[in-house]
Amino acid sequence: MNIGVIGGSGFIGSHVVDKLIEHGHEVTVFDIMKPHRGDVRYIYIDITDLSKTTVALTGDYDAVYLLAAMADVNDVYKNPVEAGVVNIIGVANVLEAARRNEIDRVILASTVWVYGLSSEKEVDESTPLYIEKADHVYTSSKIAAELYCHSYQKLYGQNFTILRYGIPYGPRARGGTVIATFVRKALNGEPLTIFGDGSQYRNFIYVEDLAEGNVAALKDIAKNQTYNLEGMRPITVKEVAETVKKLIGDVKIEYKKGRPGDFEGKVVSAEKAKRELGWEPKVDFEEGVRRYIEWYRRNVLKR
């Protein structure tokens, strides 16, 4: 298939590009930054500009992944309007450009943070979400993006697939993610900071597992469907710190006041992806962290 990956130079996007190429697809990376590999076609794109996005996406693509977003919740908290421009208007622009260019499907990267709008502790793709429970601009922007996908399909027949990611980690992770931050601090001999009591939990997912889930979403059955791509089990932030401490050595763990709107965590089912896409995560958390530490030592510390 002829595939475009918007945000293909980023952490998750670069791994999606790798897996798509491994599976034999023709790939074009769309981003404001050049891709990590030189054997892939690259086109600069600014998804906040509709006209330029429409022109960029000409090229007879079968599907386009949309991974470009303002994804750091701290950046979103500080810049809520800019986050809306990228995470909502940018998505609308890509959907419209796909419609005009007759691209069959847009595959949107969303997040399990949307389940913060649920009243349930155990959730799946059919769990009701309640807008009155929205307490973070990041979550609201992702819900809005999902709603645009559904509306574009109903109004214009523009197909989509929504992938709600767990918290990714692994090689090439951006510095602001919790595991990347903890590893960097531990290797520098700095204390690991936990906001709140550390009981918040996520189903952290190794980035290569996540990338395989993205490739699996190209199947026809995934058209106009939503899937959770989650890790094997819930991991508390406290366990993250303790795992890093175990693998690197003695390091101090300190606690600070919780951040506003922080997602406490849900037990998120990925059974639909397993059942319909044949996908499930394979890399255990401690093994994934070990691989990341090895990559970090080879590629960051030796620079």
C-alpha atoms as a PDB file:
ATOM      1  CA  MET A   1       0.000   0.000   0.000  1.00  0.00           C
ATOM      2  CA  ASN A   2       1.016   3.624  -0.517  1.00  0.00           C
ATOM      3  CA  ILE A   3       1.051   5.100   3.007  1.00  0.00           C
ATOM      4  CA  GLY A   4       1.659   8.588   4.375  1.00  0.00           C
ATOM      5  CA  VAL A   5       2.764   9.082   7.977  1.00  0.00           C
ATOM      6  CA  ILE A   6       2.162  12.588   9.314  1.00  0.00           C
ATOM      7  CA  GLY A   7       4.469  12.950  12.296  1.00  0.00           C
ATOM      8  CA  GLY A   8       6.669  10.147  10.982  1.00  0.00           C
ATOM      9  CA  SER A   9       9.837  11.784  12.319  1.00  0.00           C
ATOM     10  CA  GLY A  10       8.660  11.667  15.936  1.00  0.00           C
ATOM     11  CA  PHE A  11       9.090   9.039  18.612  1.00  0.00           C
ATOM     12  CA  ILE A  12       6.132   6.791  17.787  1.00  0.00           C
ATOM     13  CA  GLY A  13       5.938   7.805  14.140  1.00  0.00           C
ATOM     14  CA  SER A  14       9.520   6.771  13.410  1.00  0.00           C
ATOM     15  CA  HIS A  15       8.804   3.267  14.697  1.00  0.00           C
ATOM     16  CA  VAL A  16       5.567   3.098  12.708  1.00  0.00           C
ATOM     17  CA  VAL A  17       7.586   4.012   9.604  1.00  0.00           C
ATOM     18  CA  ASP A  18      10.081   1.235  10.372  1.00  0.00           C
ATOM     19  CA  LYS A  19       7.348  -1.381  10.772  1.00  0.00           C
ATOM     20  CA  LEU A  20       5.447  -0.258   7.666  1.00  0.00           C
ATOM     21  CA  ILE A  21       8.610  -0.615   5.583  1.00  0.00           C
ATOM     22  CA  GLU A  22       9.319  -4.020   7.158  1.00  0.00           C
ATOM     23  CA  HIS A  23       5.840  -5.107   6.063  1.00  0.00           C
ATOM     24  CA  GLY A  24       6.533  -4.025   2.480  1.00  0.00           C
ATOM     25  CA  HIS A  25       4.543  -0.792   2.266  1.00  0.00           C
ATOM     26  CA  GLU A  26       5.628   2.286   0.325  1.00  0.00           C
ATOM     27  CA  VAL A  27       6.012   5.075   2.870  1.00  0.00           C
ATOM     28  CA  THR A  28       6.171   8.870   2.748  1.00  0.00           C
ATOM     29  CA  VAL A  29       7.003  10.792   5.920  1.00  0.00           C
ATOM     30  CA  PHE A  30       5.239  14.135   6.439  1.00  0.00           C
ATOM     31  CA  ASP A  31       6.691  16.243   9.230  1.00  0.00           C
ATOM     32  CA  ILE A  32       8.304  19.551  10.118  1.00  0.00           C
ATOM     33  CA  MET A  33      11.499  17.591  10.832  1.00  0.00           C
ATOM     34  CA  LYS A  34      13.424  15.208   8.591  1.00  0.00           C
ATOM     35  CA  PRO A  35      12.945  11.467   9.290  1.00  0.00           C
ATOM     36  CA  HIS A  36      15.425   9.320  11.201  1.00  0.00           C
ATOM     37  CA  ARG A  37      16.256   7.241   8.131  1.00  0.00           C
ATOM     38  CA  GLY A  38      17.441   8.359   4.709  1.00  0.00           C
ATOM     39  CA  ASP A  39      15.753   5.699   2.590  1.00  0.00           C
ATOM     40  CA  VAL A  40      12.231   7.088   2.910  1.00  0.00           C
ATOM     41  CA  ARG A  41      10.493   9.875   0.988  1.00  0.00           C
ATOM     42  CA  TYR A  42      10.067  13.045   3.017  1.00  0.00           C
ATOM     43  CA  ILE A  43       7.724  16.016   2.556  1.00  0.00           C
ATOM     44  CA  TYR A  44       7.534  19.024   4.875  1.00  0.00           C
ATOM     45  CA  ILE A  45       4.030  19.646   6.219  1.00  0.00           C
ATOM     46  CA  ASP A  46       2.303  22.129   8.508  1.00  0.00           C
ATOM     47  CA  ILE A  47      -1.071  20.652   9.416  1.00  0.00           C
ATOM     48  CA  THR A  48      -2.287  23.984  10.803  1.00  0.00           C
ATOM     49  CA  ASP A  49      -2.398  25.294   7.193  1.00  0.00           C
ATOM     50  CA  LEU A  50      -5.258  23.705   5.223  1.00  0.00           C
ATOM     51  CA  SER A  51      -4.132  24.774   1.741  1.00  0.00           C
ATOM     52  CA  LYS A  52      -0.567  23.572   2.197  1.00  0.00           C
ATOM     53  CA  THR A  53      -1.735  20.330   3.827  1.00  0.00           C
ATOM     54  CA  THR A  54      -4.063  19.640   0.908  1.00  0.00           C
ATOM     55  CA  VAL A  55      -1.244  20.168  -1.584  1.00  0.00           C
ATOM     56  CA  ALA A  56       1.189  18.058   0.447  1.00  0.00           C
ATOM     57  CA  LEU A  57      -1.182  15.085   0.566  1.00  0.00           C
ATOM     58  CA  THR A  58      -1.597  14.789  -3.192  1.00  0.00           C
ATOM     59  CA  GLY A  59      -0.042  11.554  -4.390  1.00  0.00           C
ATOM     60  CA  ASP A  60      -2.661   8.800  -4.485  1.00  0.00           C
ATOM     61  CA  TYR A  61      -2.231   7.540  -0.905  1.00  0.00           C
ATOM     62  CA  ASP A  62      -4.251   4.554   0.292  1.00  0.00           C
ATOM     63  CA  ALA A  63      -4.118   5.684   3.911  1.00  0.00           C
ATOM     64  CA  VAL A  64      -2.573   8.445   5.995  1.00  0.00           C
ATOM     65  CA  TYR A  65      -1.533   8.122   9.628  1.00  0.00           C
ATOM     66  CA  LEU A  66      -1.951  11.259  11.725  1.00  0.00           C
ATOM     67  CA  LEU A  67       0.486  11.128  14.635  1.00  0.00           C
ATOM     68  CA  ALA A  68       1.522  14.793  14.663  1.00  0.00           C
ATOM     69  CA  ALA A  69       0.195  16.439  17.813  1.00  0.00           C
ATOM     70  CA  MET A  70       1.059  18.425  20.896  1.00  0.00           C
ATOM     71  CA  ALA A  71       1.373  15.382  23.123  1.00  0.00           C
ATOM     72  CA  ASP A  72       3.230  16.518  26.241  1.00  0.00           C
ATOM     73  CA  VAL A  73       0.516  17.261  28.808  1.00  0.00           C
ATOM     74  CA  ASN A  74       2.736  19.816  30.502  1.00  0.00           C
ATOM     75  CA  ASP A  75       3.163  21.723  27.226  1.00  0.00           C
ATOM     76  CA  VAL A  76      -0.596  21.537  26.651  1.00  0.00           C
ATOM     77  CA  TYR A  77      -1.290  22.835  30.153  1.00  0.00           C
ATOM     78  CA  LYS A  78       0.976  25.829  29.528  1.00  0.00           C
ATOM     79  CA  ASN A  79      -0.239  26.464  25.958  1.00  0.00           C
ATOM     80  CA  PRO A  80      -3.926  25.466  25.752  1.00  0.00           C
ATOM     81  CA  VAL A  81      -4.812  27.562  22.682  1.00  0.00           C
ATOM     82  CA  GLU A  82      -1.800  26.388  20.685  1.00  0.00           C
ATOM     83  CA  ALA A  83      -2.700  22.811  21.650  1.00  0.00           C
ATOM     84  CA  GLY A  84      -6.184  23.293  20.217  1.00  0.00           C
ATOM     85  CA  VAL A  85      -4.778  24.627  16.954  1.00  0.00           C
ATOM     86  CA  VAL A  86      -2.566  21.559  16.486  1.00  0.00           C
ATOM     87  CA  ASN A  87      -4.699  18.820  18.052  1.00  0.00           C
ATOM     88  CA  ILE A  88      -8.105  19.921  16.753  1.00  0.00           C
ATOM     89  CA  ILE A  89      -7.736  22.295  13.796  1.00  0.00           C
ATOM     90  CA  GLY A  90      -4.802  20.250  12.518  1.00  0.00           C
ATOM     91  CA  VAL A  91      -6.913  17.093  12.563  1.00  0.00           C
ATOM     92  CA  ALA A  92      -9.774  18.832  10.767  1.00  0.00           C
ATOM     93  CA  ASN A  93      -7.334  20.055   8.117  1.00  0.00           C
ATOM     94  CA  VAL A  94      -5.963  16.557   7.523  1.00  0.00           C
ATOM     95  CA  LEU A  95      -9.463  15.077   7.272  1.00  0.00           C
ATOM     96  CA  GLU A  96     -10.454  17.763   4.778  1.00  0.00           C
ATOM     97  CA  ALA A  97      -7.258  17.300   2.771  1.00  0.00           C
ATOM     98  CA  ALA A  98      -7.865  13.538   2.721  1.00  0.00           C
ATOM     99  CA  ARG A  99     -11.426  14.112   1.511  1.00  0.00           C
ATOM    100  CA  ARG A 100     -10.296  16.441  -1.274  1.00  0.00           C
ATOM    101  CA  ASN A 101      -7.524  14.057  -2.347  1.00  0.00           C
ATOM    102  CA  GLU A 102      -9.778  10.986  -2.119  1.00  0.00           C
ATOM    103  CA  ILE A 103      -7.544   9.225   0.398  1.00  0.00           C
ATOM    104  CA  ASP A 104      -9.483   6.214   1.607  1.00  0.00           C
ATOM    105  CA  ARG A 105      -8.623   6.403   5.285  1.00  0.00           C
ATOM    106  CA  VAL A 106      -7.119   8.588   8.007  1.00  0.00           C
ATOM    107  CA  ILE A 107      -5.668   6.653  10.962  1.00  0.00           C
ATOM    108  CA  LEU A 108      -5.713   8.921  14.008  1.00  0.00           C
ATOM    109  CA  ALA A 109      -3.447   8.574  17.023  1.00  0.00           C
ATOM    110  CA  SER A 110      -5.574   9.198  20.104  1.00  0.00           C
ATOM    111  CA  THR A 111      -4.999   8.259  23.736  1.00  0.00           C
ATOM    112  CA  VAL A 112      -6.373   6.232  26.638  1.00  0.00           C
ATOM    113  CA  TRP A 113      -6.459   9.531  28.520  1.00  0.00           C
ATOM    114  CA  VAL A 114      -9.946   9.957  27.032  1.00  0.00           C
ATOM    115  CA  TYR A 115     -11.164   7.353  29.530  1.00  0.00           C
ATOM    116  CA  GLY A 116     -10.728   9.976  32.208  1.00  0.00           C
ATOM    117  CA  LEU A 117     -14.198  11.002  31.013  1.00  0.00           C
ATOM    118  CA  SER A 118     -15.596   7.618  32.039  1.00  0.00           C
ATOM    119  CA  SER A 119     -17.158   6.702  35.381  1.00  0.00           C
ATOM    120  CA  GLU A 120     -15.846   3.133  35.131  1.00  0.00           C
ATOM    121  CA  LYS A 121     -12.523   1.750  36.368  1.00  0.00           C
ATOM    122  CA  GLU A 122     -12.425  -0.992  33.724  1.00  0.00           C
ATOM    123  CA  VAL A 123     -13.049   0.331  30.226  1.00  0.00           C
ATOM    124  CA  ASP A 124     -13.129  -0.645  26.577  1.00  0.00           C
ATOM    125  CA  GLU A 125     -13.966   1.077  23.293  1.00  0.00           C
ATOM    126  CA  SER A 126     -17.718   0.972  24.000  1.00  0.00           C
ATOM    127  CA  THR A 127     -17.489   2.584  27.455  1.00  0.00           C
ATOM    128  CA  PRO A 128     -19.526   5.836  27.620  1.00  0.00           C
ATOM    129  CA  LEU A 129     -17.569   9.070  28.027  1.00  0.00           C
ATOM    130  CA  TYR A 130     -19.109  12.088  29.766  1.00  0.00           C
ATOM    131  CA  ILE A 131     -18.053  15.580  28.697  1.00  0.00           C
ATOM    132  CA  GLU A 132     -18.773  17.048  32.136  1.00  0.00           C
ATOM    133  CA  LYS A 133     -15.867  14.959  33.475  1.00  0.00           C
ATOM    134  CA  ALA A 134     -13.348  16.657  31.185  1.00  0.00           C
ATOM    135  CA  ASP A 135     -10.625  18.196  33.341  1.00  0.00           C
ATOM    136  CA  HIS A 136      -7.653  18.636  30.977  1.00  0.00           C
ATOM    137  CA  VAL A 137      -7.276  20.476  27.675  1.00  0.00           C
ATOM    138  CA  TYR A 138      -5.210  17.576  26.292  1.00  0.00           C
ATOM    139  CA  THR A 139      -8.065  15.118  26.851  1.00  0.00           C
ATOM    140  CA  SER A 140     -10.616  17.540  25.431  1.00  0.00           C
ATOM    141  CA  SER A 141      -8.528  18.105  22.308  1.00  0.00           C
ATOM    142  CA  LYS A 142      -8.274  14.371  21.665  1.00  0.00           C
ATOM    143  CA  ILE A 143     -12.008  13.837  22.161  1.00  0.00           C
ATOM    144  CA  ALA A 144     -12.674  16.687  19.731  1.00  0.00           C
ATOM    145  CA  ALA A 145     -10.329  15.093  17.187  1.00  0.00           C
ATOM    146  CA  GLU A 146     -12.163  11.778  17.480  1.00  0.00           C
ATOM    147  CA  LEU A 147     -15.516  13.523  17.036  1.00  0.00           C
ATOM    148  CA  TYR A 148     -14.262  15.182  13.849  1.00  0.00           C
ATOM    149  CA  CYS A 149     -13.368  11.734  12.478  1.00  0.00           C
ATOM    150  CA  HIS A 150     -16.855  10.396  13.147  1.00  0.00           C
ATOM    151  CA  SER A 151     -18.517  13.483  11.700  1.00  0.00           C
ATOM    152  CA  TYR A 152     -16.406  13.450   8.539  1.00  0.00           C
ATOM    153  CA  GLN A 153     -17.313   9.814   7.977  1.00  0.00           C
ATOM    154  CA  LYS A 154     -21.033  10.428   8.397  1.00  0.00           C
ATOM    155  CA  LEU A 155     -21.148  13.665   6.399  1.00  0.00           C
ATOM    156  CA  TYR A 156     -18.601  13.009   3.653  1.00  0.00           C
ATOM    157  CA  GLY A 157     -17.860   9.273   3.744  1.00  0.00           C
ATOM    158  CA  GLN A 158     -14.252   9.866   4.824  1.00  0.00           C
ATOM    159  CA  ASN A 159     -13.093   6.622   6.440  1.00  0.00           C
ATOM    160  CA  PHE A 160     -11.040   6.616   9.642  1.00  0.00           C
ATOM    161  CA  THR A 161      -9.513   4.391  12.276  1.00  0.00           C
ATOM    162  CA  ILE A 162      -8.933   5.729  15.798  1.00  0.00           C
ATOM    163  CA  LEU A 163      -6.126   4.184  17.842  1.00  0.00           C
ATOM    164  CA  ARG A 164      -6.149   5.002  21.537  1.00  0.00           C
ATOM    165  CA  TYR A 165      -2.557   4.585  22.668  1.00  0.00           C
ATOM    166  CA  GLY A 166      -1.384   3.523  26.060  1.00  0.00           C
ATOM    167  CA  ILE A 167       1.691   5.330  27.384  1.00  0.00           C
ATOM    168  CA  PRO A 168       4.537   4.460  24.998  1.00  0.00           C
ATOM    169  CA  TYR A 169       8.180   4.024  25.949  1.00  0.00           C
ATOM    170  CA  GLY A 170      11.339   2.747  24.316  1.00  0.00           C
ATOM    171  CA  PRO A 171      14.155   3.861  21.976  1.00  0.00           C
ATOM    172  CA  ARG A 172      13.879   7.442  20.635  1.00  0.00           C
ATOM    173  CA  ALA A 173      11.429   8.457  23.378  1.00  0.00           C
ATOM    174  CA  ARG A 174      11.151  12.206  23.814  1.00  0.00           C
ATOM    175  CA  GLY A 175      12.750  13.501  26.964  1.00  0.00           C
ATOM    176  CA  GLY A 176       9.514  14.553  28.660  1.00  0.00           C
ATOM    177  CA  THR A 177       8.024  11.066  29.070  1.00  0.00           C
ATOM    178  CA  VAL A 178       8.131   9.622  32.573  1.00  0.00           C
ATOM    179  CA  ILE A 179      10.335   6.604  31.798  1.00  0.00           C
ATOM    180  CA  ALA A 180      12.783   8.662  29.712  1.00  0.00           C
ATOM    181  CA  THR A 181      12.939  11.269  32.473  1.00  0.00           C
ATOM    182  CA  PHE A 182      13.509   8.675  35.192  1.00  0.00           C
ATOM    183  CA  VAL A 183      16.253   6.909  33.206  1.00  0.00           C
ATOM    184  CA  ARG A 184      18.051  10.165  32.421  1.00  0.00           C
ATOM    185  CA  LYS A 185      17.889  11.298  36.047  1.00  0.00           C
ATOM    186  CA  ALA A 186      18.977   7.920  37.410  1.00  0.00           C
ATOM    187  CA  LEU A 187      22.006   7.772  35.105  1.00  0.00           C
ATOM    188  CA  ASN A 188      22.892  11.322  36.162  1.00  0.00           C
ATOM    189  CA  GLY A 189      22.592  10.428  39.843  1.00  0.00           C
ATOM    190  CA  GLU A 190      19.549  12.671  40.322  1.00  0.00           C
ATOM    191  CA  PRO A 191      16.473  11.759  42.411  1.00  0.00           C
ATOM    192  CA  LEU A 192      13.343  10.439  40.667  1.00  0.00           C
ATOM    193  CA  THR A 193      10.324  12.706  41.257  1.00  0.00           C
ATOM    194  CA  ILE A 194       6.832  11.254  41.630  1.00  0.00           C
ATOM    195  CA  PHE A 195       3.837  13.620  41.591  1.00  0.00           C
ATOM    196  CA  GLY A 196       1.218  12.439  44.070  1.00  0.00           C
ATOM    197  CA  ASP A 197       1.623   9.136  45.916  1.00  0.00           C
ATOM    198  CA  GLY A 198       2.718   7.141  42.872  1.00  0.00           C
ATOM    199  CA  SER A 199      -0.436   5.022  42.766  1.00  0.00           C
ATOM    200  CA  GLN A 200      -1.461   6.478  39.387  1.00  0.00           C
ATOM    201  CA  TYR A 201      -1.126   3.702  36.847  1.00  0.00           C
ATOM    202  CA  ARG A 202      -0.823   3.192  33.114  1.00  0.00           C
ATOM    203  CA  ASN A 203      -0.557   0.177  30.842  1.00  0.00           C
ATOM    204  CA  PHE A 204       2.815   1.304  29.512  1.00  0.00           C
ATOM    205  CA  ILE A 205       3.389  -0.126  26.055  1.00  0.00           C
ATOM    206  CA  TYR A 206       6.728  -0.788  24.385  1.00  0.00           C
ATOM    207  CA  VAL A 207       6.934   1.377  21.269  1.00  0.00           C
ATOM    208  CA  GLU A 208       7.673  -1.471  18.849  1.00  0.00           C
ATOM    209  CA  ASP A 209       4.548  -3.296  20.053  1.00  0.00           C
ATOM    210  CA  LEU A 210       2.592  -0.080  19.520  1.00  0.00           C
ATOM    211  CA  ALA A 211       4.010   0.307  16.020  1.00  0.00           C
ATOM    212  CA  GLU A 212       2.939  -3.239  15.114  1.00  0.00           C
ATOM    213  CA  GLY A 213      -0.571  -2.360  16.280  1.00  0.00           C
ATOM    214  CA  ASN A 214      -0.578   0.605  13.933  1.00  0.00           C
ATOM    215  CA  VAL A 215       0.349  -1.621  10.991  1.00  0.00           C
ATOM    216  CA  ALA A 216      -2.345  -4.138  11.960  1.00  0.00           C
ATOM    217  CA  ALA A 217      -4.893  -1.287  11.831  1.00  0.00           C
ATOM    218  CA  LEU A 218      -4.528  -1.153   8.038  1.00  0.00           C
ATOM    219  CA  LYS A 219      -6.789  -4.207   7.815  1.00  0.00           C
ATOM    220  CA  ASP A 220     -10.170  -3.555   6.206  1.00  0.00           C
ATOM    221  CA  ILE A 221     -12.007  -4.625   9.358  1.00  0.00           C
ATOM    222  CA  ALA A 222     -10.519  -1.580  11.132  1.00  0.00           C
ATOM    223  CA  LYS A 223     -12.296   0.960   8.906  1.00  0.00           C
ATOM    224  CA  ASN A 224     -14.398   3.360  10.988  1.00  0.00           C
ATOM    225  CA  GLN A 225     -13.488   1.560  14.194  1.00  0.00           C
ATOM    226  CA  THR A 226     -11.723   2.519  17.417  1.00  0.00           C
ATOM    227  CA  TYR A 227      -9.082   0.338  19.100  1.00  0.00           C
ATOM    228  CA  ASN A 228      -7.169   0.489  22.353  1.00  0.00           C
ATOM    229  CA  LEU A 229      -3.488  -0.333  21.905  1.00  0.00           C
ATOM    230  CA  GLU A 230      -2.465  -0.993  25.480  1.00  0.00           C
ATOM    231  CA  GLY A 231       0.293  -2.716  27.403  1.00  0.00           C
ATOM    232  CA  MET A 232       0.088  -6.050  29.177  1.00  0.00           C
ATOM    233  CA  ARG A 233      -0.891  -4.833  32.648  1.00  0.00           C
ATOM    234  CA  PRO A 234      -1.295  -1.712  34.755  1.00  0.00           C
ATOM    235  CA  ILE A 235       2.007  -0.258  35.984  1.00  0.00           C
ATOM    236  CA  THR A 236       2.044   2.334  38.759  1.00  0.00           C
ATOM    237  CA  VAL A 237       4.351   5.326  38.547  1.00  0.00           C
ATOM    238  CA  LYS A 238       5.924   4.021  41.740  1.00  0.00           C
ATOM    239  CA  GLU A 239       6.721   0.715  40.006  1.00  0.00           C
ATOM    240  CA  VAL A 240       8.273   2.638  37.106  1.00  0.00           C
ATOM    241  CA  ALA A 241      10.643   4.378  39.507  1.00  0.00           C
ATOM    242  CA  GLU A 242      11.441   1.161  41.343  1.00  0.00           C
ATOM    243  CA  THR A 243      12.108  -0.700  38.079  1.00  0.00           C
ATOM    244  CA  VAL A 244      14.503   2.003  36.906  1.00  0.00           C
ATOM    245  CA  LYS A 245      16.199   1.921  40.304  1.00  0.00           C
ATOM    246  CA  LYS A 246      16.523  -1.882  40.082  1.00  0.00           C
ATOM    247  CA  LEU A 247      18.071  -1.838  36.601  1.00  0.00           C
ATOM    248  CA  ILE A 248      20.413   1.123  37.078  1.00  0.00           C
ATOM    249  CA  GLY A 249      21.347   1.067  40.738  1.00  0.00           C
ATOM    250  CA  ASP A 250      20.738   2.978  43.931  1.00  0.00           C
ATOM    251  CA  VAL A 251      18.850   6.220  43.348  1.00  0.00           C
ATOM    252  CA  LYS A 252      16.645   8.363  45.549  1.00  0.00           C
ATOM    253  CA  ILE A 253      12.878   8.499  44.915  1.00  0.00           C
ATOM    254  CA  GLU A 254      11.061  11.651  46.074  1.00  0.00           C
ATOM    255  CA  TYR A 255       7.385  12.638  46.124  1.00  0.00           C
ATOM    256  CA  LYS A 256       5.745  15.983  45.257  1.00  0.00           C
ATOM    257  CA  LYS A 257       2.212  17.385  45.060  1.00  0.00           C
ATOM    258  CA  GLY A 258       0.090  15.929  42.227  1.00  0.00           C
ATOM    259  CA  ARG A 259      -0.425  17.866  38.980  1.00  0.00           C
ATOM    260  CA  PRO A 260      -3.877  19.262  38.051  1.00  0.00           C
ATOM    261  CA  GLY A 261      -5.889  17.060  35.696  1.00  0.00           C
ATOM    262  CA  ASP A 262      -3.408  14.186  35.857  1.00  0.00           C
ATOM    263  CA  PHE A 263      -4.927  10.937  34.580  1.00  0.00           C
ATOM    264  CA  GLU A 264      -5.070   8.544  37.532  1.00  0.00           C
ATOM    265  CA  GLY A 265      -5.423   5.495  35.330  1.00  0.00           C
ATOM    266  CA  LYS A 266      -7.963   2.956  34.173  1.00  0.00           C
ATOM    267  CA  VAL A 267      -7.855  -0.752  33.422  1.00  0.00           C
ATOM    268  CA  VAL A 268      -8.096  -0.484  29.642  1.00  0.00           C
ATOM    269  CA  SER A 269      -9.007  -3.558  27.629  1.00  0.00           C
ATOM    270  CA  ALA A 270      -7.200  -4.260  24.344  1.00  0.00           C
ATOM    271  CA  GLU A 271      -9.267  -7.358  23.620  1.00  0.00           C
ATOM    272  CA  LYS A 272     -10.931  -5.806  20.570  1.00  0.00           C
ATOM    273  CA  ALA A 273      -7.553  -5.284  18.888  1.00  0.00           C
ATOM    274  CA  LYS A 274      -6.567  -8.854  19.711  1.00  0.00           C
ATOM    275  CA  ARG A 275      -9.858 -10.251  18.436  1.00  0.00           C
ATOM    276  CA  GLU A 276     -10.210  -8.211  15.245  1.00  0.00           C
ATOM    277  CA  LEU A 277      -6.648  -7.260  14.329  1.00  0.00           C
ATOM    278  CA  GLY A 278      -4.738 -10.231  15.722  1.00  0.00           C
ATOM    279  CA  TRP A 279      -2.580  -7.852  17.758  1.00  0.00           C
ATOM    280  CA  GLU A 280      -1.365  -8.003  21.338  1.00  0.00           C
ATOM    281  CA  PRO A 281       1.696  -6.618  23.163  1.00  0.00           C
ATOM    282  CA  LYS A 282       4.673  -8.967  23.516  1.00  0.00           C
ATOM    283  CA  VAL A 283       7.368  -7.085  25.452  1.00  0.00           C
ATOM    284  CA  ASP A 284       7.195  -7.245  29.259  1.00  0.00           C
ATOM    285  CA  PHE A 285       7.644  -3.941  31.089  1.00  0.00           C
ATOM    286  CA  GLU A 286      10.953  -4.686  32.805  1.00  0.00           C
ATOM    287  CA  GLU A 287      12.402  -6.093  29.571  1.00  0.00           C
ATOM    288  CA  GLY A 288      11.254  -3.003  27.675  1.00  0.00           C
ATOM    289  CA  VAL A 289      12.842  -0.667  30.209  1.00  0.00           C
ATOM    290  CA  ARG A 290      16.070  -2.692  30.037  1.00  0.00           C
ATOM    291  CA  ARG A 291      16.124  -2.322  26.239  1.00  0.00           C
ATOM    292  CA  TYR A 292      15.524   1.415  26.541  1.00  0.00           C
ATOM    293  CA  ILE A 293      18.343   1.860  29.043  1.00  0.00           C
ATOM    294  CA  GLU A 294      20.710  -0.026  26.718  1.00  0.00           C
ATOM    295  CA  TRP A 295      19.655   2.176  23.780  1.00  0.00           C
ATOM    296  CA  TYR A 296      20.048   5.326  25.881  1.00  0.00           C
ATOM    297  CA  ARG A 297      23.547   4.371  26.946  1.00  0.00           C
ATOM    298  CA  ARG A 298      24.581   3.642  23.332  1.00  0.00           C
ATOM    299  CA  ASN A 299      22.920   6.589  21.636  1.00  0.00           C
ATOM    300  CA  VAL A 300      22.650   9.420  24.156  1.00  0.00           C
ATOM    301  CA  LEU A 301      25.376   9.069  26.785  1.00  0.00           C
ATOM    302  CA  LYS A 302      28.103   8.426  24.189  1.00  0.00           C
ATOM    303  CA  ARG A 303      27.371  11.553  22.142  1.00  0.00           C
END
